[in-house]
Amino acid sequence: MKLAEQPLLFIDCQTTGATPLSAQILELGWLLPEVTAGQLPHSQLLIKSRLIRLPADQALPARIQKITGITDELMQDASPAADVLSELMRDLSGDGQKQVRFAVAHYAQFEQAFVRQLFVDHLPEQNLPFTFICTCQIAKRLYPDLPSRAIRALGGYFGLSLTEMKRSSCHVEATYFIWQRLLADLGAIGIYEDDQLLEWLSQPLPKVSAKDKKNPYAIPMERLKRLDLPAKPGIYRMLNSDGNILYVGKATSLKSRVNSYFRGRKGKDSKTKELISQIFDIAIEVVDTPLEAALLETDLIKQHDPPYNRALRQRGRVLNFYSHDFVQVSLQQDLEYMLGPFVSDSFKPVLDLLQALQTETYPLDLFWGLASAELIAKAFALIFIEGPIASYSACQLSARRLLAIGMAMVRQEVNYQRILKREEERLAEAAREDPDPDPGKSGPEKTEIELPQEDLEEDLDAEVVEREIDENDLVEMIYGILARSAKLYLQAKRLTKLLNVQITFVDGGISKTLTFINGKAVNLATCAPSEISQPAWSGLDIDTYDRMRVLLTELARVNLRDKGMKIVGLETVVTQ
């Protein structure tokens, strides 16, 4: 039968994991259009989507909630899996419904595994009544030079804007939309019948030659558009076919940075490939310096919330301020809650650690489920035997005391880095004076006891992950929590100092002076010190926090080159 006349089921699953052996279907969506040739308008697509109740002993994973937007509250209206399957079967056998031989899905191998398990669990007497056709496999053969054939990439390449959340109804609509385009391009190579398509799909994917690997990707944006960009600092916005912003980025050279996305095929992650598959246009804004580009970037990301920006988006982040003893927390800074700002629960690990030490409890989530309560107990015993905490008993500990210990560790790390830098400079100077130095000369040996990485959840040392961790590893994690809390505290103080300042600096060979009031760049002639908030962060939010954090990072960068950089408090400037 001709593909254009074939009755089809378009189907999508959202699940709690990658395989039905360890995960469940969370949502099932499907569409049975009366015709499959010639795209129907959205209003005529009768897409059904049903949340499926999870087993009583299984919770909805937080990671899946973040990806899909499906919450515990929404799941209260979920249906039993058997009821959802019965509804699907009724639709397939409804009055006037032609027999459906094929189900179309993107990454059909994934959908097929879960749908087959759904039949096994709830209709064991019935075999899977349709064969799956994979739009991704078709696209891999039709468009080998497209950077990505993910559903968002392919939909965007064809001019469809998908919502960021992964929901079944959205993916069903995208699959139907993609299918229409595939039908036309399959016809262009002489594939019109279903048996022709199945035979074509059964052949191995054509291998990409070494020559083809060096060729640029096929993308919808005109090549000259990016080649004509200026080699100046600024902001670029990557736009889809509807002119919606996909990504906002900063650049020291717009020409060099933007074109780097499209040169070569190596070294690009899946999200980057997915992004560049959808870019139809680039909009730019030129500024004087890279520092100003970085500040503008964070504001534009907040304003537009582009789907492919991972950092600097609001994403539910809020500012927290603590009382003097860190016992109480508030979303607003006032005279009682002066300590901060901290982003959401970033300071909470050290408070959880304090509570665990004081109550002799062993919360497994403190170490991300990597250790048993017994192992945590051993680690807690060790830190009271040796190390910076050993001078205190559990009842003597407080949040401020743990913070002080962490700050001492940070100072020790900073001092060591300064010594190392001075020694490197001395050796470099000696090398210039003596072109053939004694090979026995060397800098100071690096201590074997290093501070743990700041983000243990994401950057835990590979050796620790691969082997079974012990109590010494947990001790290092504890010290890591203390050091990170101290760095967050010190960062909060530095960010507060930057809220109301005038900064003179040189960046990219250009001298600039910027004035900030309440964390926002202003024209000093039109503003007055009376506008400064009291307390410092009163009425300010995550937008200001991110702007000051970017400013702090950029000032550290330009200070490496501009030793004459000057930062003065705004009151000093006004009274001069």
Protein backbone atom coordinates (compact mmCIF):
# COMPACT_ATOMS: atom_id res chain seq x y z
CA MET A 1 0.00 0.00 0.00
CA LYS A 2 1.18 3.54 -0.68
CA LEU A 3 2.64 5.28 2.37
CA ALA A 4 0.44 8.32 1.75
CA GLU A 5 -2.69 6.13 2.00
CA GLN A 6 -1.54 3.99 4.93
CA PRO A 7 -3.53 4.41 8.18
CA LEU A 8 -0.91 5.15 10.85
CA LEU A 9 -0.64 5.46 14.61
CA PHE A 10 1.66 8.24 15.82
CA ILE A 11 2.80 7.43 19.34
CA ASP A 12 5.14 8.66 22.07
CA CYS A 13 6.08 7.54 25.58
CA GLN A 14 7.53 9.56 28.45
CA THR A 15 9.10 7.27 31.01
CA THR A 16 10.95 7.27 34.33
CA GLY A 17 14.07 5.71 32.79
CA ALA A 18 15.76 4.20 29.76
CA THR A 19 14.49 0.61 29.79
CA PRO A 20 11.27 -1.17 30.84
CA LEU A 21 13.43 -3.53 32.90
CA SER A 22 13.94 -0.75 35.45
CA ALA A 23 11.51 2.04 34.49
CA GLN A 24 7.82 2.70 33.96
CA ILE A 25 5.75 4.54 31.36
CA LEU A 26 4.81 7.87 32.84
CA GLU A 27 2.77 9.26 29.95
CA LEU A 28 1.43 7.84 26.69
CA GLY A 29 0.34 10.01 23.78
CA TRP A 30 -1.10 9.00 20.40
CA LEU A 31 -2.72 10.29 17.26
CA LEU A 32 -4.83 8.47 14.66
CA PRO A 33 -5.33 11.01 11.85
CA GLU A 34 -7.94 10.23 9.23
CA VAL A 35 -5.32 10.89 6.57
CA THR A 36 -1.55 10.86 6.79
CA ALA A 37 -0.72 12.59 3.50
CA GLY A 38 -0.99 16.36 3.47
CA GLN A 39 -0.42 18.06 6.79
CA LEU A 40 -3.50 18.75 8.90
CA PRO A 41 -3.66 22.03 10.86
CA HIS A 42 -3.00 21.77 14.57
CA SER A 43 -6.66 22.41 15.42
CA GLN A 44 -7.66 19.20 13.58
CA LEU A 45 -5.09 16.96 15.29
CA LEU A 46 -7.00 14.94 17.88
CA ILE A 47 -3.98 14.03 19.99
CA LYS A 48 -4.65 12.07 23.15
CA SER A 49 -2.27 12.14 26.09
CA ARG A 50 -2.69 10.17 29.30
CA LEU A 51 -0.62 10.17 32.47
CA ILE A 52 -0.10 6.63 33.77
CA ARG A 53 -0.16 5.85 37.47
CA LEU A 54 3.14 4.60 38.87
CA PRO A 55 3.34 1.51 41.09
CA ALA A 56 2.61 2.29 44.73
CA ASP A 57 6.22 1.67 45.77
CA GLN A 58 7.72 4.06 43.18
CA ALA A 59 8.10 7.83 43.43
CA LEU A 60 8.32 10.24 40.52
CA PRO A 61 12.07 11.03 40.17
CA ALA A 62 12.97 14.70 40.61
CA ARG A 63 15.13 14.57 37.49
CA ILE A 64 12.15 13.40 35.40
CA GLN A 65 9.94 16.11 36.88
CA LYS A 66 12.49 18.72 35.79
CA ILE A 67 12.76 17.30 32.25
CA THR A 68 9.06 16.77 31.60
CA GLY A 69 7.34 19.28 33.83
CA ILE A 70 5.17 16.44 35.16
CA THR A 71 4.76 16.97 38.91
CA ASP A 72 3.43 14.88 41.79
CA GLU A 73 0.38 17.13 41.76
CA LEU A 74 -0.35 16.33 38.10
CA MET A 75 0.13 12.64 38.80
CA GLN A 76 -2.81 12.67 41.18
CA ASP A 77 -5.03 12.51 38.08
CA ALA A 78 -3.03 9.68 36.45
CA SER A 79 -4.89 6.59 35.21
CA PRO A 80 -4.05 2.93 35.67
CA ALA A 81 -1.89 1.58 32.84
CA ALA A 82 -4.52 -1.05 31.95
CA ASP A 83 -7.17 1.66 31.46
CA VAL A 84 -4.91 3.70 29.18
CA LEU A 85 -4.06 0.65 27.07
CA SER A 86 -7.76 -0.23 26.81
CA GLU A 87 -8.52 3.28 25.56
CA LEU A 88 -5.79 3.02 22.93
CA MET A 89 -7.14 -0.35 21.74
CA ARG A 90 -10.67 1.06 21.53
CA ASP A 91 -9.39 3.89 19.32
CA LEU A 92 -7.55 1.41 17.09
CA SER A 93 -10.69 -0.68 16.59
CA GLY A 94 -13.26 2.15 16.54
CA ASP A 95 -16.10 2.45 14.05
CA GLY A 96 -14.81 3.23 10.58
CA GLN A 97 -11.19 2.90 11.68
CA LYS A 98 -9.09 1.08 9.10
CA GLN A 99 -6.69 -1.51 10.41
CA VAL A 100 -3.47 0.15 11.54
CA ARG A 101 -0.40 -1.86 10.55
CA PHE A 102 2.25 0.70 11.43
CA ALA A 103 3.05 2.91 14.39
CA VAL A 104 5.31 5.89 13.70
CA ALA A 105 7.62 7.15 16.44
CA HIS A 106 10.87 9.01 16.78
CA TYR A 107 13.53 6.72 18.28
CA ALA A 108 11.00 3.92 17.71
CA GLN A 109 13.25 1.33 19.34
CA PHE A 110 12.67 3.12 22.66
CA GLU A 111 8.89 3.43 22.27
CA GLN A 112 8.56 -0.14 21.02
CA ALA A 113 10.24 -1.62 24.09
CA PHE A 114 7.91 0.17 26.51
CA VAL A 115 4.73 -0.33 24.48
CA ARG A 116 5.49 -4.04 24.07
CA GLN A 117 5.97 -4.31 27.85
CA LEU A 118 2.64 -2.55 28.32
CA PHE A 119 0.95 -5.28 26.26
CA VAL A 120 2.83 -8.03 28.11
CA ASP A 121 1.71 -6.68 31.48
CA HIS A 122 -1.93 -5.91 30.67
CA LEU A 123 -2.88 -7.76 27.47
CA PRO A 124 -0.65 -10.85 27.56
CA GLU A 125 -2.92 -12.74 25.15
CA GLN A 126 -2.50 -10.06 22.48
CA ASN A 127 0.67 -9.62 20.44
CA LEU A 128 1.80 -6.14 19.53
CA PRO A 129 -0.72 -5.32 16.74
CA PHE A 130 1.47 -2.98 14.71
CA THR A 131 5.02 -2.63 13.38
CA PHE A 132 7.05 0.40 14.34
CA ILE A 133 8.53 2.81 11.78
CA CYS A 134 11.29 5.08 13.06
CA THR A 135 11.41 8.67 11.74
CA CYS A 136 14.91 9.09 13.17
CA GLN A 137 16.23 6.14 11.15
CA ILE A 138 14.64 7.56 8.01
CA ALA A 139 16.22 10.97 8.71
CA LYS A 140 19.67 9.44 9.25
CA ARG A 141 19.51 8.07 5.70
CA LEU A 142 17.91 11.09 4.06
CA TYR A 143 19.95 13.80 5.79
CA PRO A 144 23.40 12.40 6.65
CA ASP A 145 24.91 15.91 6.76
CA LEU A 146 22.46 17.31 9.30
CA PRO A 147 24.25 17.81 12.66
CA SER A 148 21.51 16.06 14.67
CA ARG A 149 18.40 14.02 13.95
CA ALA A 150 16.95 14.37 17.45
CA ILE A 151 13.26 15.21 17.42
CA ARG A 152 13.83 18.86 18.43
CA ALA A 153 16.65 19.23 15.89
CA LEU A 154 14.71 17.69 13.02
CA GLY A 155 11.51 19.55 13.87
CA GLY A 156 13.44 22.82 14.07
CA TYR A 157 15.23 22.08 10.79
CA PHE A 158 11.81 21.73 9.16
CA GLY A 159 10.57 24.95 10.78
CA LEU A 160 8.65 23.58 13.78
CA SER A 161 9.15 25.15 17.21
CA LEU A 162 8.90 22.59 20.00
CA THR A 163 8.23 23.44 23.63
CA GLU A 164 11.13 22.83 25.97
CA MET A 165 9.34 20.35 28.20
CA LYS A 166 9.29 16.76 26.98
CA ARG A 167 5.61 15.84 26.89
CA SER A 168 3.97 13.13 24.82
CA SER A 169 1.43 15.34 23.06
CA CYS A 170 4.17 17.70 21.87
CA HIS A 171 6.31 14.82 20.61
CA VAL A 172 3.38 13.15 18.85
CA GLU A 173 2.59 16.39 17.02
CA ALA A 174 6.28 16.82 16.10
CA THR A 175 6.48 13.23 14.81
CA TYR A 176 3.40 13.77 12.65
CA PHE A 177 4.85 17.05 11.34
CA ILE A 178 8.21 15.41 10.57
CA TRP A 179 6.49 12.50 8.82
CA GLN A 180 4.89 14.85 6.29
CA ARG A 181 8.29 16.19 5.28
CA LEU A 182 9.82 12.73 5.18
CA LEU A 183 7.06 11.48 2.86
CA ALA A 184 7.90 14.16 0.30
CA ASP A 185 11.65 13.46 0.45
CA LEU A 186 11.13 9.69 0.33
CA GLY A 187 9.07 10.18 -2.82
CA ALA A 188 11.92 12.18 -4.32
CA ILE A 189 14.12 9.06 -4.15
CA GLY A 190 11.39 6.74 -5.45
CA ILE A 191 10.04 5.29 -2.19
CA TYR A 192 6.24 5.38 -2.23
CA GLU A 193 5.15 1.98 -0.92
CA ASP A 194 5.37 0.60 2.62
CA ASP A 195 7.28 -2.51 1.50
CA GLN A 196 9.81 -0.28 -0.28
CA LEU A 197 10.34 1.70 2.92
CA LEU A 198 10.79 -1.42 5.07
CA GLU A 199 13.30 -2.86 2.61
CA TRP A 200 15.19 0.45 2.49
CA LEU A 201 15.29 0.68 6.30
CA SER A 202 16.58 -2.88 6.59
CA GLN A 203 19.80 -1.90 4.80
CA PRO A 204 22.79 -0.80 6.90
CA LEU A 205 23.34 2.91 7.29
CA PRO A 206 25.77 4.22 4.66
CA LYS A 207 29.22 4.86 6.08
CA VAL A 208 30.49 8.44 6.18
CA SER A 209 33.77 8.74 4.29
CA ALA A 210 36.82 10.51 5.69
CA LYS A 211 36.29 13.22 3.07
CA ASP A 212 32.67 13.75 4.10
CA LYS A 213 33.69 14.01 7.76
CA LYS A 214 35.73 17.09 6.88
CA ASN A 215 32.85 18.77 5.08
CA PRO A 216 30.74 21.31 6.98
CA TYR A 217 27.33 20.30 8.25
CA ALA A 218 24.20 21.07 6.27
CA ILE A 219 22.30 23.77 8.17
CA PRO A 220 19.35 25.97 7.21
CA MET A 221 21.17 29.32 7.75
CA GLU A 222 22.80 31.07 4.83
CA ARG A 223 26.60 30.71 5.05
CA LEU A 224 27.41 34.30 4.08
CA LYS A 225 25.31 35.55 7.00
CA ARG A 226 27.84 34.31 9.53
CA LEU A 227 30.94 34.99 7.43
CA ASP A 228 30.05 38.70 7.25
CA LEU A 229 29.88 39.19 11.03
CA PRO A 230 32.23 41.83 12.52
CA ALA A 231 35.32 40.80 14.51
CA LYS A 232 34.17 42.90 17.49
CA PRO A 233 32.89 42.16 20.99
CA GLY A 234 29.17 41.68 21.38
CA ILE A 235 26.15 39.48 21.85
CA TYR A 236 24.71 37.03 19.34
CA ARG A 237 21.22 35.56 19.28
CA MET A 238 20.60 32.33 17.38
CA LEU A 239 17.10 32.33 15.87
CA ASN A 240 14.82 29.57 14.58
CA SER A 241 12.54 29.73 11.53
CA ASP A 242 9.93 31.77 13.45
CA GLY A 243 12.51 34.27 14.69
CA ASN A 244 12.35 32.88 18.23
CA ILE A 245 15.59 32.97 20.20
CA LEU A 246 17.22 29.56 20.64
CA TYR A 247 20.42 30.71 22.32
CA VAL A 248 22.13 33.89 23.52
CA GLY A 249 25.91 34.06 23.72
CA LYS A 250 28.71 36.56 24.28
CA ALA A 251 31.84 36.96 22.19
CA THR A 252 35.15 38.75 22.20
CA SER A 253 34.98 38.47 18.40
CA LEU A 254 31.50 37.86 17.01
CA LYS A 255 32.89 36.62 13.70
CA SER A 256 35.22 34.07 15.28
CA ARG A 257 32.85 32.85 18.01
CA VAL A 258 29.75 32.37 15.86
CA ASN A 259 31.65 30.63 13.06
CA SER A 260 33.26 28.23 15.55
CA TYR A 261 29.87 26.50 15.89
CA PHE A 262 29.86 25.54 12.24
CA ARG A 263 33.49 24.58 11.59
CA GLY A 264 34.22 20.84 11.58
CA ARG A 265 32.23 18.01 13.08
CA LYS A 266 34.41 16.95 15.99
CA GLY A 267 34.20 18.09 19.58
CA LYS A 268 30.55 19.12 19.59
CA ASP A 269 28.17 17.63 22.12
CA SER A 270 24.67 16.43 21.25
CA LYS A 271 22.96 19.60 22.50
CA THR A 272 25.18 21.83 20.36
CA LYS A 273 24.45 19.70 17.29
CA GLU A 274 20.75 19.86 18.09
CA LEU A 275 20.97 23.64 18.37
CA ILE A 276 22.82 24.35 15.12
CA SER A 277 20.42 22.10 13.18
CA GLN A 278 17.69 24.66 13.86
CA ILE A 279 19.48 27.98 13.30
CA PHE A 280 17.91 30.00 10.48
CA ASP A 281 19.36 33.39 11.37
CA ILE A 282 21.77 35.25 13.66
CA ALA A 283 21.10 38.62 15.29
CA ILE A 284 23.97 40.54 16.88
CA GLU A 285 24.60 43.53 19.10
CA VAL A 286 28.07 45.08 19.11
CA VAL A 287 29.48 46.55 22.36
CA ASP A 288 32.79 48.21 23.25
CA THR A 289 34.35 45.51 25.45
CA PRO A 290 34.04 41.80 26.25
CA LEU A 291 33.17 42.70 29.84
CA GLU A 292 30.12 44.61 28.70
CA ALA A 293 29.17 41.72 26.42
CA ALA A 294 29.21 39.36 29.42
CA LEU A 295 26.97 41.69 31.43
CA LEU A 296 24.54 42.10 28.55
CA GLU A 297 24.42 38.34 28.02
CA THR A 298 23.13 37.57 31.52
CA ASP A 299 20.40 40.23 31.23
CA LEU A 300 19.22 38.97 27.83
CA ILE A 301 19.13 35.36 29.02
CA LYS A 302 16.83 36.41 31.86
CA GLN A 303 14.70 38.45 29.48
CA HIS A 304 14.23 35.80 26.78
CA ASP A 305 14.83 32.49 28.66
CA PRO A 306 16.26 30.74 25.55
CA PRO A 307 15.85 26.93 25.60
CA TYR A 308 19.51 26.14 24.85
CA ASN A 309 21.07 28.38 27.51
CA ARG A 310 21.88 26.19 30.50
CA ALA A 311 23.55 28.72 32.79
CA LEU A 312 22.21 32.09 33.97
CA ARG A 313 18.56 31.12 33.53
CA GLN A 314 16.24 31.73 36.44
CA ARG A 315 14.88 28.15 36.53
CA GLY A 316 13.20 28.60 39.91
CA ARG A 317 16.34 29.92 41.63
CA VAL A 318 15.79 32.41 44.45
CA LEU A 319 18.03 34.32 46.86
CA ASN A 320 18.28 33.23 50.48
CA PHE A 321 19.47 35.33 53.42
CA TYR A 322 20.33 33.96 56.86
CA SER A 323 20.19 35.28 60.39
CA HIS A 324 23.46 35.88 62.29
CA ASP A 325 23.52 32.29 63.63
CA PHE A 326 22.31 30.72 60.34
CA VAL A 327 19.30 29.27 62.17
CA GLN A 328 16.63 31.25 60.30
CA VAL A 329 16.38 31.91 56.57
CA SER A 330 14.46 34.50 54.55
CA LEU A 331 13.86 35.29 50.88
CA GLN A 332 14.46 39.00 51.58
CA GLN A 333 17.38 40.75 53.21
CA ASP A 334 16.61 42.94 56.22
CA LEU A 335 18.35 43.87 59.47
CA GLU A 336 17.55 40.44 60.94
CA TYR A 337 18.56 38.44 57.87
CA MET A 338 21.79 40.09 56.71
CA LEU A 339 23.95 37.09 55.70
CA GLY A 340 23.87 36.43 51.98
CA PRO A 341 22.89 36.24 49.26
CA PHE A 342 23.03 32.50 48.68
CA VAL A 343 21.22 30.91 45.75
CA SER A 344 18.36 28.67 46.88
CA ASP A 345 19.74 25.77 48.95
CA SER A 346 23.42 26.24 48.05
CA PHE A 347 24.39 26.85 51.70
CA LYS A 348 22.16 24.08 53.07
CA PRO A 349 24.72 21.19 52.91
CA VAL A 350 26.84 22.70 55.70
CA LEU A 351 23.71 23.21 57.84
CA ASP A 352 22.64 19.60 57.20
CA LEU A 353 26.15 18.47 58.12
CA LEU A 354 26.00 20.45 61.37
CA GLN A 355 22.65 18.92 62.31
CA ALA A 356 23.93 15.42 61.53
CA LEU A 357 27.04 15.93 63.69
CA GLN A 358 25.09 17.40 66.59
CA THR A 359 22.36 14.75 66.60
CA GLU A 360 24.62 11.81 65.65
CA THR A 361 22.37 10.94 62.74
CA TYR A 362 23.64 9.72 59.39
CA PRO A 363 21.54 11.09 56.51
CA LEU A 364 22.30 9.14 53.34
CA ASP A 365 21.37 12.03 51.03
CA LEU A 366 24.13 14.20 52.54
CA PHE A 367 26.57 12.22 50.40
CA TRP A 368 24.16 11.67 47.46
CA GLY A 369 23.43 8.07 48.42
CA LEU A 370 27.03 6.97 47.88
CA ALA A 371 27.57 5.73 51.43
CA SER A 372 25.77 3.69 54.07
CA ALA A 373 24.89 5.01 57.53
CA GLU A 374 27.61 2.77 58.98
CA LEU A 375 30.25 4.30 56.72
CA ILE A 376 29.07 7.83 57.51
CA ALA A 377 29.36 7.06 61.23
CA LYS A 378 32.99 5.99 60.72
CA ALA A 379 33.76 9.20 58.83
CA PHE A 380 32.15 11.34 61.55
CA ALA A 381 34.27 9.56 64.17
CA LEU A 382 37.43 10.24 62.14
CA ILE A 383 36.93 14.01 61.86
CA PHE A 384 36.79 14.28 65.67
CA ILE A 385 40.11 12.39 65.97
CA GLU A 386 42.24 14.42 63.58
CA GLY A 387 41.95 17.45 61.35
CA PRO A 388 40.52 20.95 61.87
CA ILE A 389 37.29 19.75 63.54
CA ALA A 390 39.10 17.57 66.10
CA SER A 391 39.60 20.52 68.46
CA TYR A 392 35.86 20.64 69.16
CA SER A 393 33.17 18.36 70.51
CA ALA A 394 29.89 18.01 68.64
CA CYS A 395 28.07 20.24 71.13
CA GLN A 396 30.64 23.02 70.59
CA LEU A 397 30.03 23.15 66.85
CA SER A 398 27.89 25.81 65.24
CA ALA A 399 27.30 26.96 61.69
CA ARG A 400 29.60 29.94 62.18
CA ARG A 401 32.33 27.71 63.61
CA LEU A 402 32.13 25.30 60.67
CA LEU A 403 32.19 28.32 58.38
CA ALA A 404 35.33 29.61 60.12
CA ILE A 405 37.01 26.23 59.65
CA GLY A 406 36.09 26.29 55.98
CA MET A 407 37.48 29.81 55.57
CA ALA A 408 40.77 28.76 57.17
CA MET A 409 40.97 25.95 54.61
CA VAL A 410 40.29 28.37 51.77
CA ARG A 411 42.97 30.79 53.03
CA GLN A 412 45.43 27.91 53.21
CA GLU A 413 44.60 26.96 49.64
CA VAL A 414 44.94 30.58 48.43
CA ASN A 415 48.27 31.02 50.24
CA TYR A 416 49.58 27.82 48.71
CA GLN A 417 48.56 28.97 45.23
CA ARG A 418 50.32 32.30 45.82
CA ILE A 419 53.51 30.52 46.89
CA LEU A 420 53.29 28.25 43.86
CA LYS A 421 52.76 31.23 41.54
CA ARG A 422 55.71 33.14 43.01
CA GLU A 423 57.92 30.07 42.64
CA GLU A 424 56.81 29.63 39.03
CA GLU A 425 57.63 33.29 38.34
CA ARG A 426 61.05 32.86 39.98
CA LEU A 427 61.79 29.79 37.88
CA ALA A 428 60.63 31.57 34.73
CA GLU A 429 62.95 34.49 35.52
CA ALA A 430 65.83 32.06 36.19
CA ALA A 431 65.14 30.30 32.90
CA ARG A 432 65.42 33.60 31.04
CA GLU A 433 68.79 34.25 32.70
CA ASP A 434 70.01 30.65 32.35
CA PRO A 435 68.85 29.05 29.06
CA ASP A 436 70.08 25.63 30.20
CA PRO A 437 69.04 25.34 33.84
CA ASP A 438 69.97 22.50 36.12
CA PRO A 439 67.47 19.73 35.35
CA GLY A 440 67.42 18.95 39.07
CA LYS A 441 65.83 22.30 39.85
CA SER A 442 62.08 22.21 40.30
CA GLY A 443 59.30 24.01 42.02
CA PRO A 444 57.78 22.96 45.32
CA GLU A 445 56.15 19.56 45.30
CA LYS A 446 52.41 19.68 45.38
CA THR A 447 50.99 18.46 48.66
CA GLU A 448 49.30 15.10 48.54
CA ILE A 449 46.32 16.43 50.50
CA GLU A 450 44.25 18.49 48.08
CA LEU A 451 40.94 20.19 48.71
CA PRO A 452 38.06 18.24 47.20
CA GLN A 453 36.40 19.54 44.08
CA GLU A 454 33.73 22.14 44.66
CA ASP A 455 30.83 20.29 43.13
CA LEU A 456 31.13 16.75 44.39
CA GLU A 457 27.80 15.67 42.96
CA GLU A 458 28.90 16.36 39.37
CA ASP A 459 32.69 16.21 39.53
CA LEU A 460 33.43 13.39 41.95
CA ASP A 461 36.82 11.94 41.15
CA ALA A 462 36.51 9.06 38.69
CA GLU A 463 38.62 6.81 40.87
CA VAL A 464 36.22 7.28 43.78
CA VAL A 465 33.21 6.53 41.57
CA GLU A 466 34.71 3.40 40.03
CA ARG A 467 35.86 1.85 43.30
CA GLU A 468 33.95 1.39 46.54
CA ILE A 469 34.36 4.53 48.61
CA ASP A 470 35.59 4.38 52.22
CA GLU A 471 35.40 6.62 55.28
CA ASN A 472 38.46 8.62 54.17
CA ASP A 473 36.65 9.59 50.98
CA LEU A 474 33.70 10.81 53.07
CA VAL A 475 36.05 12.85 55.25
CA GLU A 476 37.33 14.57 52.10
CA MET A 477 33.73 15.23 51.05
CA ILE A 478 33.03 16.80 54.47
CA TYR A 479 36.00 19.12 54.07
CA GLY A 480 34.75 19.89 50.58
CA ILE A 481 31.37 20.96 52.01
CA LEU A 482 33.13 23.27 54.49
CA ALA A 483 35.40 24.80 51.83
CA ARG A 484 32.52 25.34 49.42
CA SER A 485 30.35 27.02 52.07
CA ALA A 486 33.23 29.37 52.90
CA LYS A 487 33.71 30.27 49.24
CA LEU A 488 30.01 30.98 48.89
CA TYR A 489 30.12 33.21 51.98
CA LEU A 490 33.16 35.13 50.72
CA GLN A 491 31.59 35.44 47.28
CA ALA A 492 28.42 36.91 48.81
CA LYS A 493 30.49 39.61 50.53
CA ARG A 494 32.35 40.45 47.31
CA LEU A 495 29.13 40.62 45.30
CA THR A 496 27.63 42.98 47.88
CA LYS A 497 30.64 45.34 47.57
CA LEU A 498 30.14 45.50 43.80
CA LEU A 499 26.50 46.61 44.01
CA ASN A 500 27.38 50.33 44.29
CA VAL A 501 30.74 51.11 42.71
CA GLN A 502 32.50 52.90 39.90
CA ILE A 503 34.98 50.77 37.95
CA THR A 504 37.70 51.98 35.58
CA PHE A 505 39.37 49.26 33.51
CA VAL A 506 40.94 48.40 30.17
CA ASP A 507 39.50 45.48 28.20
CA GLY A 508 40.34 44.60 24.63
CA GLY A 509 42.52 47.70 24.41
CA ILE A 510 39.62 50.02 25.27
CA SER A 511 39.49 52.07 28.48
CA LYS A 512 36.07 52.19 30.11
CA THR A 513 34.40 53.50 33.25
CA LEU A 514 31.19 51.87 34.45
CA THR A 515 29.03 52.96 37.38
CA PHE A 516 26.70 50.56 39.20
CA ILE A 517 23.83 51.47 41.51
CA ASN A 518 21.96 48.55 43.11
CA GLY A 519 23.84 46.17 40.82
CA LYS A 520 22.80 47.85 37.57
CA ALA A 521 24.99 49.86 35.19
CA VAL A 522 23.74 53.47 35.18
CA ASN A 523 24.56 56.96 34.03
CA LEU A 524 25.83 58.64 37.19
CA ALA A 525 24.61 62.05 36.00
CA THR A 526 20.99 60.88 36.17
CA CYS A 527 21.24 58.91 39.44
CA ALA A 528 21.93 59.81 43.04
CA PRO A 529 23.38 57.97 46.06
CA SER A 530 19.97 58.34 47.73
CA GLU A 531 18.74 55.61 45.36
CA ILE A 532 21.04 53.01 46.94
CA SER A 533 19.01 50.26 48.62
CA GLN A 534 19.24 49.70 52.36
CA PRO A 535 20.04 46.97 53.27
CA ALA A 536 22.21 46.35 50.22
CA TRP A 537 20.12 43.56 48.64
CA SER A 538 16.69 44.91 49.58
CA GLY A 539 14.34 44.41 46.63
CA LEU A 540 17.02 42.79 44.46
CA ASP A 541 16.70 39.33 42.95
CA ILE A 542 18.50 36.55 41.06
CA ASP A 543 18.95 38.83 38.02
CA THR A 544 21.17 41.15 40.05
CA TYR A 545 22.99 38.25 41.69
CA ASP A 546 23.94 36.74 38.33
CA ARG A 547 24.94 40.14 36.94
CA MET A 548 27.27 40.76 39.90
CA ARG A 549 28.68 37.24 39.70
CA VAL A 550 29.45 37.74 36.00
CA LEU A 551 30.99 41.14 36.81
CA LEU A 552 33.18 39.57 39.51
CA THR A 553 34.41 36.91 37.07
CA GLU A 554 35.08 39.44 34.31
CA LEU A 555 36.95 41.80 36.65
CA ALA A 556 39.24 38.95 37.65
CA ARG A 557 39.89 38.31 33.96
CA VAL A 558 40.70 41.90 32.98
CA ASN A 559 42.78 42.43 36.13
CA LEU A 560 45.26 39.87 34.81
CA ARG A 561 46.11 42.33 32.04
CA ASP A 562 45.11 45.71 33.50
CA LYS A 563 47.06 46.22 36.72
CA GLY A 564 45.71 49.78 36.81
CA MET A 565 42.08 48.74 37.24
CA LYS A 566 40.34 50.89 39.85
CA ILE A 567 37.21 50.12 41.86
CA VAL A 568 35.85 52.72 44.28
CA GLY A 569 32.67 52.94 46.32
CA LEU A 570 29.97 55.15 44.85
CA GLU A 571 29.88 57.48 47.87
CA THR A 572 33.57 58.24 47.30
CA VAL A 573 32.93 59.10 43.65
CA VAL A 574 30.05 61.45 44.44
CA THR A 575 31.91 63.39 47.12
CA GLN A 576 35.05 63.91 45.02
